[in-house]
Amino acid sequence: MRMLEADAEGADWHEGARIVLHIDPEREPDRARLAFESHLARAKWVALASLRLASRNLSAARIRQDGRVDSPNSEVRRVLTQPV
């Protein structure tokens, strides 16, 4: 999440590498840049895959009149009933 937040805020990759990944971009610029880019790409992939899964599972879920959720997937039920 921190990588996605930093990217959304337009943070410099140097800052992200230093704060999130604990890699000094001044001492190891190539490693820091590669690690930042690969972690950010993975974070974006995980977020997108999670949204796709949630969307697919939500479309299979049925909300009853009393507000409770009937779903074949107990994880969907847990996510939907979890306080925000």
C-alpha atoms as a PDB file:
ATOM      1  CA  MET A   1       0.000   0.000   0.000  1.00  0.00           C
ATOM      2  CA  ARG A   2       2.778   2.405   0.807  1.00  0.00           C
ATOM      3  CA  MET A   3       4.223   2.030  -2.687  1.00  0.00           C
ATOM      4  CA  LEU A   4       0.856   2.777  -4.274  1.00  0.00           C
ATOM      5  CA  GLU A   5       0.280   5.745  -1.976  1.00  0.00           C
ATOM      6  CA  ALA A   6       3.735   7.158  -2.736  1.00  0.00           C
ATOM      7  CA  ASP A   7       3.130   6.743  -6.466  1.00  0.00           C
ATOM      8  CA  ALA A   8      -0.307   8.374  -6.274  1.00  0.00           C
ATOM      9  CA  GLU A   9       1.176  11.320  -4.395  1.00  0.00           C
ATOM     10  CA  GLY A  10       3.869  11.728  -7.044  1.00  0.00           C
ATOM     11  CA  ALA A  11       6.699  10.919  -4.649  1.00  0.00           C
ATOM     12  CA  ASP A  12      10.175  10.684  -6.107  1.00  0.00           C
ATOM     13  CA  TRP A  13      11.465   7.124  -6.507  1.00  0.00           C
ATOM     14  CA  HIS A  14      14.497   8.054  -4.387  1.00  0.00           C
ATOM     15  CA  GLU A  15      12.200   8.794  -1.464  1.00  0.00           C
ATOM     16  CA  GLY A  16      10.198   5.597  -1.997  1.00  0.00           C
ATOM     17  CA  ALA A  17      13.324   3.467  -2.151  1.00  0.00           C
ATOM     18  CA  ARG A  18      14.697   5.060   1.001  1.00  0.00           C
ATOM     19  CA  ILE A  19      11.528   5.106   3.120  1.00  0.00           C
ATOM     20  CA  VAL A  20       9.617   2.042   1.938  1.00  0.00           C
ATOM     21  CA  LEU A  21      12.389  -0.306   0.844  1.00  0.00           C
ATOM     22  CA  HIS A  22      15.146   0.920   3.176  1.00  0.00           C
ATOM     23  CA  ILE A  23      17.650   1.138   0.325  1.00  0.00           C
ATOM     24  CA  ASP A  24      19.909   4.185   0.100  1.00  0.00           C
ATOM     25  CA  PRO A  25      19.605   5.441  -3.497  1.00  0.00           C
ATOM     26  CA  GLU A  26      22.788   7.498  -3.114  1.00  0.00           C
ATOM     27  CA  ARG A  27      24.890   4.443  -2.226  1.00  0.00           C
ATOM     28  CA  GLU A  28      23.116   1.912  -4.480  1.00  0.00           C
ATOM     29  CA  PRO A  29      21.313   3.845  -7.233  1.00  0.00           C
ATOM     30  CA  ASP A  30      20.854   0.944  -9.661  1.00  0.00           C
ATOM     31  CA  ARG A  31      19.620  -1.472  -7.011  1.00  0.00           C
ATOM     32  CA  ALA A  32      17.333   1.152  -5.472  1.00  0.00           C
ATOM     33  CA  ARG A  33      15.765   2.101  -8.820  1.00  0.00           C
ATOM     34  CA  LEU A  34      15.256  -1.517  -9.906  1.00  0.00           C
ATOM     35  CA  ALA A  35      13.802  -2.510  -6.532  1.00  0.00           C
ATOM     36  CA  PHE A  36      11.456   0.485  -6.491  1.00  0.00           C
ATOM     37  CA  GLU A  37      10.216  -0.148 -10.032  1.00  0.00           C
ATOM     38  CA  SER A  38       9.702  -3.876  -9.509  1.00  0.00           C
ATOM     39  CA  HIS A  39       7.940  -3.410  -6.154  1.00  0.00           C
ATOM     40  CA  LEU A  40       5.674  -0.718  -7.609  1.00  0.00           C
ATOM     41  CA  ALA A  41       4.814  -2.892 -10.614  1.00  0.00           C
ATOM     42  CA  ARG A  42       3.990  -5.809  -8.312  1.00  0.00           C
ATOM     43  CA  ALA A  43       1.897  -3.596  -6.021  1.00  0.00           C
ATOM     44  CA  LYS A  44      -0.104  -2.376  -9.016  1.00  0.00           C
ATOM     45  CA  TRP A  45      -0.570  -5.947 -10.267  1.00  0.00           C
ATOM     46  CA  VAL A  46      -1.721  -7.180  -6.844  1.00  0.00           C
ATOM     47  CA  ALA A  47      -4.159  -4.279  -6.483  1.00  0.00           C
ATOM     48  CA  LEU A  48      -5.616  -4.862  -9.943  1.00  0.00           C
ATOM     49  CA  ALA A  49      -5.847  -8.630  -9.467  1.00  0.00           C
ATOM     50  CA  SER A  50      -7.547  -8.102  -6.108  1.00  0.00           C
ATOM     51  CA  LEU A  51     -10.075  -5.731  -7.641  1.00  0.00           C
ATOM     52  CA  ARG A  52     -10.833  -8.200 -10.409  1.00  0.00           C
ATOM     53  CA  LEU A  53     -11.293 -11.028  -7.908  1.00  0.00           C
ATOM     54  CA  ALA A  54     -13.481  -8.898  -5.652  1.00  0.00           C
ATOM     55  CA  SER A  55     -15.575  -7.780  -8.616  1.00  0.00           C
ATOM     56  CA  ARG A  56     -16.060 -11.343  -9.795  1.00  0.00           C
ATOM     57  CA  ASN A  57     -16.939 -12.556  -6.299  1.00  0.00           C
ATOM     58  CA  LEU A  58     -19.268  -9.643  -5.617  1.00  0.00           C
ATOM     59  CA  SER A  59     -21.185 -10.331  -8.799  1.00  0.00           C
ATOM     60  CA  ALA A  60     -21.788 -13.873  -7.498  1.00  0.00           C
ATOM     61  CA  ALA A  61     -22.848 -12.624  -4.065  1.00  0.00           C
ATOM     62  CA  ARG A  62     -26.489 -12.009  -3.215  1.00  0.00           C
ATOM     63  CA  ILE A  63     -27.543  -9.438  -0.629  1.00  0.00           C
ATOM     64  CA  ARG A  64     -30.609 -10.487   1.318  1.00  0.00           C
ATOM     65  CA  GLN A  65     -33.369  -8.131   2.408  1.00  0.00           C
ATOM     66  CA  ASP A  66     -31.974  -8.041   5.936  1.00  0.00           C
ATOM     67  CA  GLY A  67     -28.651  -6.756   4.561  1.00  0.00           C
ATOM     68  CA  ARG A  68     -26.746  -9.986   5.068  1.00  0.00           C
ATOM     69  CA  VAL A  69     -24.744 -11.496   2.241  1.00  0.00           C
ATOM     70  CA  ASP A  70     -25.242 -14.962   0.797  1.00  0.00           C
ATOM     71  CA  SER A  71     -22.147 -15.999  -1.082  1.00  0.00           C
ATOM     72  CA  PRO A  72     -20.473 -19.235  -2.027  1.00  0.00           C
ATOM     73  CA  ASN A  73     -17.228 -17.628  -0.938  1.00  0.00           C
ATOM     74  CA  SER A  74     -16.762 -17.094   2.801  1.00  0.00           C
ATOM     75  CA  GLU A  75     -13.894 -14.664   2.152  1.00  0.00           C
ATOM     76  CA  VAL A  76     -16.247 -12.382   0.220  1.00  0.00           C
ATOM     77  CA  ARG A  77     -18.654 -12.510   3.139  1.00  0.00           C
ATOM     78  CA  ARG A  78     -15.854 -11.566   5.555  1.00  0.00           C
ATOM     79  CA  VAL A  79     -14.722  -8.642   3.397  1.00  0.00           C
ATOM     80  CA  LEU A  80     -18.241  -7.321   2.862  1.00  0.00           C
ATOM     81  CA  THR A  81     -19.133  -7.408   6.543  1.00  0.00           C
ATOM     82  CA  GLN A  82     -15.831  -5.975   7.775  1.00  0.00           C
ATOM     83  CA  PRO A  83     -16.153  -2.392   9.075  1.00  0.00           C
ATOM     84  CA  VAL A  84     -14.466   0.228   6.922  1.00  0.00           C
END
